[in-house]
Amino acid sequence: MPYAYSKKIEHEFDTDHLNIWLTFKHPMRRSSNPLAVPPVYDIMPPLNLWILKCDTVAIDIVASEWVDEFTLLLTSDTVAAMPNKTTLAYNGPNENLTTTWLKQWEPWGDTESNTEKTFIDRGDPAVYDFTQATLTTDDTWQDLDLSTIIPAGAKAVILRVCVNNSTPETGIYFRKKGNVNAINMGQILAQTSNVWNESDIIVALDSTRHIEYNATNTTWAGILILVKGWLF
């Protein structure tokens, strides 16, 4: 009879699919030959017993592998963007999902997954996304559209910002689109005349993946902005 219970479900969006980690309370049986050299981890339940839903849409699980004796990694089929809600159910029991003392894991219904692993690296872009030529530097708040770079569902962006100005203490500021105050924001200033200053800045995104920026109304020698990655 099945009796094992209690698990933790976490996931991350990775380009076009989800990685889902199941962390079990008890050590799990992974191998039909525990003494094999090198180790062979060939015990796991059929993929069709996992019921994954992204925003209520069913998505197939296409692969599974043991990370350690407590953790099973599942890989989903194609997912276009980070879902707002992810659930996983297990249509067990099955003899291939047991503890090391052969107690089968109980089935469970739709259980919401946590997005604990949240950072997505942009990769290795060859050029900056924005320069002073594509920005408006008039000392007012302007929209910066990041929706062609960042997928839907992202909560914040990590920017690399470089500035150069002949006038010290001139700068560029960033905040979440829709904010009205200039308190909760990121900034970088030109501290020395004609010397580049650089900084990484995290800015919250709205649902359209826009942020706002405000650049000092002066003649800039250079402003460079790169999207390094984003957070879900």
C-alpha atoms as a PDB file:
ATOM      1  CA  MET A   1       0.000   0.000   0.000  1.00  0.00           C
ATOM      2  CA  PRO A   2       1.256   3.509  -0.727  1.00  0.00           C
ATOM      3  CA  TYR A   3       1.941   5.689   2.246  1.00  0.00           C
ATOM      4  CA  ALA A   4       4.874   7.998   1.559  1.00  0.00           C
ATOM      5  CA  TYR A   5       3.921  11.651   1.388  1.00  0.00           C
ATOM      6  CA  SER A   6       5.183  15.276   1.638  1.00  0.00           C
ATOM      7  CA  LYS A   7       7.112  16.837  -1.234  1.00  0.00           C
ATOM      8  CA  LYS A   8       8.233  20.278  -2.401  1.00  0.00           C
ATOM      9  CA  ILE A   9       7.666  21.429  -5.997  1.00  0.00           C
ATOM     10  CA  GLU A  10       9.729  24.202  -7.609  1.00  0.00           C
ATOM     11  CA  HIS A  11      10.210  25.261 -11.219  1.00  0.00           C
ATOM     12  CA  GLU A  12      12.018  27.677 -13.504  1.00  0.00           C
ATOM     13  CA  PHE A  13      11.315  28.858 -17.055  1.00  0.00           C
ATOM     14  CA  ASP A  14      14.261  28.047 -19.332  1.00  0.00           C
ATOM     15  CA  THR A  15      13.999  29.620 -22.815  1.00  0.00           C
ATOM     16  CA  ASP A  16      11.100  27.478 -24.097  1.00  0.00           C
ATOM     17  CA  HIS A  17      10.325  24.908 -21.399  1.00  0.00           C
ATOM     18  CA  LEU A  18      10.049  24.419 -17.639  1.00  0.00           C
ATOM     19  CA  ASN A  19      12.437  22.594 -15.353  1.00  0.00           C
ATOM     20  CA  ILE A  20      10.513  21.190 -12.374  1.00  0.00           C
ATOM     21  CA  TRP A  21      12.245  19.947  -9.222  1.00  0.00           C
ATOM     22  CA  LEU A  22      10.489  17.513  -6.869  1.00  0.00           C
ATOM     23  CA  THR A  23      12.120  17.297  -3.451  1.00  0.00           C
ATOM     24  CA  PHE A  24      10.829  14.328  -1.449  1.00  0.00           C
ATOM     25  CA  LYS A  25      10.736  14.000   2.332  1.00  0.00           C
ATOM     26  CA  HIS A  26      12.320  10.539   2.312  1.00  0.00           C
ATOM     27  CA  PRO A  27      15.281   9.067   0.376  1.00  0.00           C
ATOM     28  CA  MET A  28      14.042   7.504  -2.844  1.00  0.00           C
ATOM     29  CA  ARG A  29      14.824   4.261  -4.694  1.00  0.00           C
ATOM     30  CA  ARG A  30      16.710   5.234  -7.856  1.00  0.00           C
ATOM     31  CA  SER A  31      18.526   2.143  -9.113  1.00  0.00           C
ATOM     32  CA  SER A  32      17.715  -1.481  -9.818  1.00  0.00           C
ATOM     33  CA  ASN A  33      21.409  -2.199  -9.225  1.00  0.00           C
ATOM     34  CA  PRO A  34      22.720   0.042  -6.427  1.00  0.00           C
ATOM     35  CA  LEU A  35      26.210  -1.512  -6.648  1.00  0.00           C
ATOM     36  CA  ALA A  36      26.701  -0.770 -10.349  1.00  0.00           C
ATOM     37  CA  VAL A  37      29.881   1.093 -11.361  1.00  0.00           C
ATOM     38  CA  PRO A  38      29.333   3.663 -12.730  1.00  0.00           C
ATOM     39  CA  PRO A  39      25.968   4.210 -10.997  1.00  0.00           C
ATOM     40  CA  VAL A  40      22.825   3.534 -13.004  1.00  0.00           C
ATOM     41  CA  TYR A  41      19.692   5.476 -12.007  1.00  0.00           C
ATOM     42  CA  ASP A  42      16.987   3.639 -13.926  1.00  0.00           C
ATOM     43  CA  ILE A  43      14.049   3.602 -11.484  1.00  0.00           C
ATOM     44  CA  MET A  44      11.441   6.339 -12.026  1.00  0.00           C
ATOM     45  CA  PRO A  45       7.727   6.371 -12.851  1.00  0.00           C
ATOM     46  CA  PRO A  46       6.358   6.620 -16.414  1.00  0.00           C
ATOM     47  CA  LEU A  47       6.259  10.208 -17.693  1.00  0.00           C
ATOM     48  CA  ASN A  48       2.522  10.032 -18.376  1.00  0.00           C
ATOM     49  CA  LEU A  49       1.800   9.818 -14.642  1.00  0.00           C
ATOM     50  CA  TRP A  50       2.861  13.468 -14.236  1.00  0.00           C
ATOM     51  CA  ILE A  51       0.074  15.981 -14.931  1.00  0.00           C
ATOM     52  CA  LEU A  52       1.540  19.433 -15.523  1.00  0.00           C
ATOM     53  CA  LYS A  53      -0.629  22.506 -16.131  1.00  0.00           C
ATOM     54  CA  CYS A  54       0.578  25.981 -17.052  1.00  0.00           C
ATOM     55  CA  ASP A  55      -2.193  28.548 -16.568  1.00  0.00           C
ATOM     56  CA  THR A  56      -4.662  25.591 -16.648  1.00  0.00           C
ATOM     57  CA  VAL A  57      -3.287  24.302 -20.008  1.00  0.00           C
ATOM     58  CA  ALA A  58      -1.954  20.728 -19.895  1.00  0.00           C
ATOM     59  CA  ILE A  59       1.715  20.386 -20.874  1.00  0.00           C
ATOM     60  CA  ASP A  60       3.515  17.069 -21.353  1.00  0.00           C
ATOM     61  CA  ILE A  61       6.519  16.020 -19.286  1.00  0.00           C
ATOM     62  CA  VAL A  62       9.152  14.812 -21.767  1.00  0.00           C
ATOM     63  CA  ALA A  63      12.070  13.757 -19.540  1.00  0.00           C
ATOM     64  CA  SER A  64      12.989  12.956 -15.935  1.00  0.00           C
ATOM     65  CA  GLU A  65      16.243  12.316 -14.084  1.00  0.00           C
ATOM     66  CA  TRP A  66      17.407  11.922 -10.499  1.00  0.00           C
ATOM     67  CA  VAL A  67      19.522  14.805  -9.175  1.00  0.00           C
ATOM     68  CA  ASP A  68      20.175  13.092  -5.846  1.00  0.00           C
ATOM     69  CA  GLU A  69      18.372  10.582  -3.609  1.00  0.00           C
ATOM     70  CA  PHE A  70      15.767  13.184  -2.615  1.00  0.00           C
ATOM     71  CA  THR A  71      15.358  15.204  -5.819  1.00  0.00           C
ATOM     72  CA  LEU A  72      13.775  14.336  -9.182  1.00  0.00           C
ATOM     73  CA  LEU A  73      14.100  16.780 -12.105  1.00  0.00           C
ATOM     74  CA  LEU A  74      11.275  16.819 -14.657  1.00  0.00           C
ATOM     75  CA  THR A  75      11.497  18.607 -18.016  1.00  0.00           C
ATOM     76  CA  SER A  76       8.375  19.917 -19.722  1.00  0.00           C
ATOM     77  CA  ASP A  77       7.449  20.137 -23.378  1.00  0.00           C
ATOM     78  CA  THR A  78       7.464  23.511 -25.146  1.00  0.00           C
ATOM     79  CA  VAL A  79       6.215  26.490 -23.118  1.00  0.00           C
ATOM     80  CA  ALA A  80       6.112  29.862 -24.880  1.00  0.00           C
ATOM     81  CA  ALA A  81       6.594  32.073 -21.809  1.00  0.00           C
ATOM     82  CA  MET A  82       6.770  31.927 -18.036  1.00  0.00           C
ATOM     83  CA  PRO A  83       3.261  30.971 -16.821  1.00  0.00           C
ATOM     84  CA  ASN A  84       1.536  32.907 -14.081  1.00  0.00           C
ATOM     85  CA  LYS A  85       0.533  29.659 -12.353  1.00  0.00           C
ATOM     86  CA  THR A  86       2.053  26.192 -12.596  1.00  0.00           C
ATOM     87  CA  THR A  87       0.603  23.053 -11.011  1.00  0.00           C
ATOM     88  CA  LEU A  88       1.759  19.453 -10.943  1.00  0.00           C
ATOM     89  CA  ALA A  89      -0.259  16.336 -10.085  1.00  0.00           C
ATOM     90  CA  TYR A  90       0.883  12.727  -9.729  1.00  0.00           C
ATOM     91  CA  ASN A  91      -1.470  10.004 -10.995  1.00  0.00           C
ATOM     92  CA  GLY A  92       0.106   7.232  -8.940  1.00  0.00           C
ATOM     93  CA  PRO A  93       0.825   5.100  -7.123  1.00  0.00           C
ATOM     94  CA  ASN A  94       3.495   3.317  -9.131  1.00  0.00           C
ATOM     95  CA  GLU A  95       6.131   0.763  -8.163  1.00  0.00           C
ATOM     96  CA  ASN A  96       8.807   2.976  -9.707  1.00  0.00           C
ATOM     97  CA  LEU A  97       8.252   5.878  -7.318  1.00  0.00           C
ATOM     98  CA  THR A  98       9.083   4.493  -3.898  1.00  0.00           C
ATOM     99  CA  THR A  99      11.236   5.195  -0.887  1.00  0.00           C
ATOM    100  CA  THR A 100      14.430   3.214  -0.449  1.00  0.00           C
ATOM    101  CA  TRP A 101      12.398   0.747   1.690  1.00  0.00           C
ATOM    102  CA  LEU A 102       9.873   0.282  -1.153  1.00  0.00           C
ATOM    103  CA  LYS A 103       6.897   2.245   0.129  1.00  0.00           C
ATOM    104  CA  GLN A 104       5.038   3.693  -2.850  1.00  0.00           C
ATOM    105  CA  TRP A 105       4.396   7.421  -3.004  1.00  0.00           C
ATOM    106  CA  GLU A 106       0.812   8.508  -2.612  1.00  0.00           C
ATOM    107  CA  PRO A 107      -0.902  10.207  -5.580  1.00  0.00           C
ATOM    108  CA  TRP A 108      -1.628  13.909  -5.286  1.00  0.00           C
ATOM    109  CA  GLY A 109      -3.843  16.372  -7.137  1.00  0.00           C
ATOM    110  CA  ASP A 110      -2.975  19.725  -8.707  1.00  0.00           C
ATOM    111  CA  THR A 111      -0.353  21.296  -6.435  1.00  0.00           C
ATOM    112  CA  GLU A 112       1.010  24.757  -7.157  1.00  0.00           C
ATOM    113  CA  SER A 113       4.733  24.995  -7.843  1.00  0.00           C
ATOM    114  CA  ASN A 114       6.986  27.720  -6.476  1.00  0.00           C
ATOM    115  CA  THR A 115       9.342  29.734  -8.706  1.00  0.00           C
ATOM    116  CA  GLU A 116      12.299  29.669  -6.355  1.00  0.00           C
ATOM    117  CA  LYS A 117      14.837  29.549  -9.177  1.00  0.00           C
ATOM    118  CA  THR A 118      14.072  32.864 -10.838  1.00  0.00           C
ATOM    119  CA  PHE A 119      17.074  34.447 -12.612  1.00  0.00           C
ATOM    120  CA  ILE A 120      17.289  34.129 -16.410  1.00  0.00           C
ATOM    121  CA  ASP A 121      20.602  35.087 -18.010  1.00  0.00           C
ATOM    122  CA  ARG A 122      20.255  37.082 -21.268  1.00  0.00           C
ATOM    123  CA  GLY A 123      23.218  35.262 -22.710  1.00  0.00           C
ATOM    124  CA  ASP A 124      26.002  36.904 -24.715  1.00  0.00           C
ATOM    125  CA  PRO A 125      24.647  39.891 -26.717  1.00  0.00           C
ATOM    126  CA  ALA A 126      27.111  41.611 -29.036  1.00  0.00           C
ATOM    127  CA  VAL A 127      25.788  45.177 -28.741  1.00  0.00           C
ATOM    128  CA  TYR A 128      24.022  47.434 -26.255  1.00  0.00           C
ATOM    129  CA  ASP A 129      20.237  47.652 -26.508  1.00  0.00           C
ATOM    130  CA  PHE A 130      19.948  51.446 -26.132  1.00  0.00           C
ATOM    131  CA  THR A 131      22.271  54.441 -26.570  1.00  0.00           C
ATOM    132  CA  GLN A 132      21.899  58.190 -26.075  1.00  0.00           C
ATOM    133  CA  ALA A 133      20.838  58.401 -29.747  1.00  0.00           C
ATOM    134  CA  THR A 134      17.756  56.273 -29.026  1.00  0.00           C
ATOM    135  CA  LEU A 135      16.895  57.953 -25.701  1.00  0.00           C
ATOM    136  CA  THR A 136      15.226  61.252 -24.846  1.00  0.00           C
ATOM    137  CA  THR A 137      17.398  63.315 -22.497  1.00  0.00           C
ATOM    138  CA  ASP A 138      15.078  66.157 -21.431  1.00  0.00           C
ATOM    139  CA  ASP A 139      14.896  65.711 -17.633  1.00  0.00           C
ATOM    140  CA  THR A 140      11.405  64.147 -17.779  1.00  0.00           C
ATOM    141  CA  TRP A 141      10.239  60.581 -17.217  1.00  0.00           C
ATOM    142  CA  GLN A 142      10.073  58.535 -20.432  1.00  0.00           C
ATOM    143  CA  ASP A 143       8.925  54.972 -21.232  1.00  0.00           C
ATOM    144  CA  LEU A 144      11.498  52.312 -22.075  1.00  0.00           C
ATOM    145  CA  ASP A 145       9.925  49.346 -23.881  1.00  0.00           C
ATOM    146  CA  LEU A 146      11.646  46.043 -23.082  1.00  0.00           C
ATOM    147  CA  SER A 147       8.875  43.754 -24.353  1.00  0.00           C
ATOM    148  CA  THR A 148      10.828  42.650 -27.447  1.00  0.00           C
ATOM    149  CA  ILE A 149      13.667  41.425 -25.214  1.00  0.00           C
ATOM    150  CA  ILE A 150      12.017  40.145 -22.030  1.00  0.00           C
ATOM    151  CA  PRO A 151       9.307  37.430 -22.052  1.00  0.00           C
ATOM    152  CA  ALA A 152       5.872  37.861 -20.520  1.00  0.00           C
ATOM    153  CA  GLY A 153       5.630  37.125 -16.813  1.00  0.00           C
ATOM    154  CA  ALA A 154       9.013  38.578 -15.833  1.00  0.00           C
ATOM    155  CA  LYS A 155       8.893  40.708 -12.674  1.00  0.00           C
ATOM    156  CA  ALA A 156      12.136  42.724 -12.881  1.00  0.00           C
ATOM    157  CA  VAL A 157      15.005  43.509 -15.227  1.00  0.00           C
ATOM    158  CA  ILE A 158      18.737  43.680 -14.535  1.00  0.00           C
ATOM    159  CA  LEU A 159      20.377  46.472 -16.543  1.00  0.00           C
ATOM    160  CA  ARG A 160      24.003  47.339 -17.199  1.00  0.00           C
ATOM    161  CA  VAL A 161      24.171  51.128 -17.589  1.00  0.00           C
ATOM    162  CA  CYS A 162      27.213  53.184 -18.641  1.00  0.00           C
ATOM    163  CA  VAL A 163      27.287  57.002 -18.724  1.00  0.00           C
ATOM    164  CA  ASN A 164      29.759  59.686 -19.804  1.00  0.00           C
ATOM    165  CA  ASN A 165      29.193  63.435 -19.444  1.00  0.00           C
ATOM    166  CA  SER A 166      31.387  66.518 -19.226  1.00  0.00           C
ATOM    167  CA  THR A 167      29.267  67.807 -16.330  1.00  0.00           C
ATOM    168  CA  PRO A 168      29.682  65.890 -13.041  1.00  0.00           C
ATOM    169  CA  GLU A 169      26.560  64.861 -11.103  1.00  0.00           C
ATOM    170  CA  THR A 170      24.442  64.570 -14.240  1.00  0.00           C
ATOM    171  CA  GLY A 171      22.727  61.230 -14.416  1.00  0.00           C
ATOM    172  CA  ILE A 172      20.030  58.853 -15.546  1.00  0.00           C
ATOM    173  CA  TYR A 173      17.347  57.400 -13.257  1.00  0.00           C
ATOM    174  CA  PHE A 174      15.092  54.326 -13.558  1.00  0.00           C
ATOM    175  CA  ARG A 175      11.822  53.332 -11.876  1.00  0.00           C
ATOM    176  CA  LYS A 176       8.832  51.044 -12.345  1.00  0.00           C
ATOM    177  CA  LYS A 177       6.379  52.332 -14.932  1.00  0.00           C
ATOM    178  CA  GLY A 178       3.408  53.932 -13.206  1.00  0.00           C
ATOM    179  CA  ASN A 179       5.266  55.143 -10.121  1.00  0.00           C
ATOM    180  CA  VAL A 180       4.870  58.870  -9.474  1.00  0.00           C
ATOM    181  CA  ASN A 181       7.603  59.542  -6.911  1.00  0.00           C
ATOM    182  CA  ALA A 182      11.374  59.752  -7.371  1.00  0.00           C
ATOM    183  CA  ILE A 183      12.308  57.804  -4.242  1.00  0.00           C
ATOM    184  CA  ASN A 184      12.136  54.095  -5.116  1.00  0.00           C
ATOM    185  CA  MET A 185      14.426  54.171  -8.144  1.00  0.00           C
ATOM    186  CA  GLY A 186      17.868  53.250  -9.434  1.00  0.00           C
ATOM    187  CA  GLN A 187      20.411  55.784 -10.653  1.00  0.00           C
ATOM    188  CA  ILE A 188      23.875  56.275 -12.058  1.00  0.00           C
ATOM    189  CA  LEU A 189      25.720  59.600 -12.145  1.00  0.00           C
ATOM    190  CA  ALA A 190      28.607  60.953 -14.205  1.00  0.00           C
ATOM    191  CA  GLN A 191      30.941  61.541 -11.273  1.00  0.00           C
ATOM    192  CA  THR A 192      33.980  62.896 -13.136  1.00  0.00           C
ATOM    193  CA  SER A 193      34.058  64.956 -16.325  1.00  0.00           C
ATOM    194  CA  ASN A 194      34.435  62.817 -19.469  1.00  0.00           C
ATOM    195  CA  VAL A 195      35.045  59.582 -17.552  1.00  0.00           C
ATOM    196  CA  TRP A 196      32.761  56.560 -18.013  1.00  0.00           C
ATOM    197  CA  ASN A 197      30.834  55.343 -14.962  1.00  0.00           C
ATOM    198  CA  GLU A 198      29.123  51.943 -14.956  1.00  0.00           C
ATOM    199  CA  SER A 199      26.569  50.221 -12.757  1.00  0.00           C
ATOM    200  CA  ASP A 200      24.126  47.290 -12.639  1.00  0.00           C
ATOM    201  CA  ILE A 201      20.568  48.343 -11.775  1.00  0.00           C
ATOM    202  CA  ILE A 202      17.488  46.231 -10.976  1.00  0.00           C
ATOM    203  CA  VAL A 203      14.124  47.748 -11.966  1.00  0.00           C
ATOM    204  CA  ALA A 204      10.639  46.305 -11.424  1.00  0.00           C
ATOM    205  CA  LEU A 205       8.611  45.652 -14.587  1.00  0.00           C
ATOM    206  CA  ASP A 206       4.930  46.295 -15.176  1.00  0.00           C
ATOM    207  CA  SER A 207       2.755  43.743 -16.990  1.00  0.00           C
ATOM    208  CA  THR A 208       3.737  45.190 -20.407  1.00  0.00           C
ATOM    209  CA  ARG A 209       7.494  44.885 -19.642  1.00  0.00           C
ATOM    210  CA  HIS A 210       8.025  48.653 -19.691  1.00  0.00           C
ATOM    211  CA  ILE A 211      10.034  50.753 -17.259  1.00  0.00           C
ATOM    212  CA  GLU A 212      10.615  54.509 -17.010  1.00  0.00           C
ATOM    213  CA  TYR A 213      13.855  56.490 -17.228  1.00  0.00           C
ATOM    214  CA  ASN A 214      14.786  60.140 -16.684  1.00  0.00           C
ATOM    215  CA  ALA A 215      18.031  61.490 -18.143  1.00  0.00           C
ATOM    216  CA  THR A 216      19.476  64.907 -17.293  1.00  0.00           C
ATOM    217  CA  ASN A 217      18.854  67.568 -19.940  1.00  0.00           C
ATOM    218  CA  THR A 218      22.412  68.096 -21.123  1.00  0.00           C
ATOM    219  CA  THR A 219      24.744  67.111 -23.952  1.00  0.00           C
ATOM    220  CA  TRP A 220      25.793  63.538 -23.261  1.00  0.00           C
ATOM    221  CA  ALA A 221      29.060  62.036 -24.461  1.00  0.00           C
ATOM    222  CA  GLY A 222      27.473  58.630 -24.066  1.00  0.00           C
ATOM    223  CA  ILE A 223      24.707  56.544 -22.492  1.00  0.00           C
ATOM    224  CA  LEU A 224      24.698  52.774 -22.987  1.00  0.00           C
ATOM    225  CA  ILE A 225      22.036  50.394 -21.648  1.00  0.00           C
ATOM    226  CA  LEU A 226      22.105  46.593 -21.866  1.00  0.00           C
ATOM    227  CA  VAL A 227      19.550  44.085 -20.600  1.00  0.00           C
ATOM    228  CA  LYS A 228      21.671  41.485 -18.760  1.00  0.00           C
ATOM    229  CA  GLY A 229      18.802  39.292 -17.613  1.00  0.00           C
ATOM    230  CA  TRP A 230      15.478  39.240 -15.812  1.00  0.00           C
ATOM    231  CA  LEU A 231      13.735  37.831 -12.766  1.00  0.00           C
ATOM    232  CA  PHE A 232      10.478  35.879 -12.522  1.00  0.00           C
END
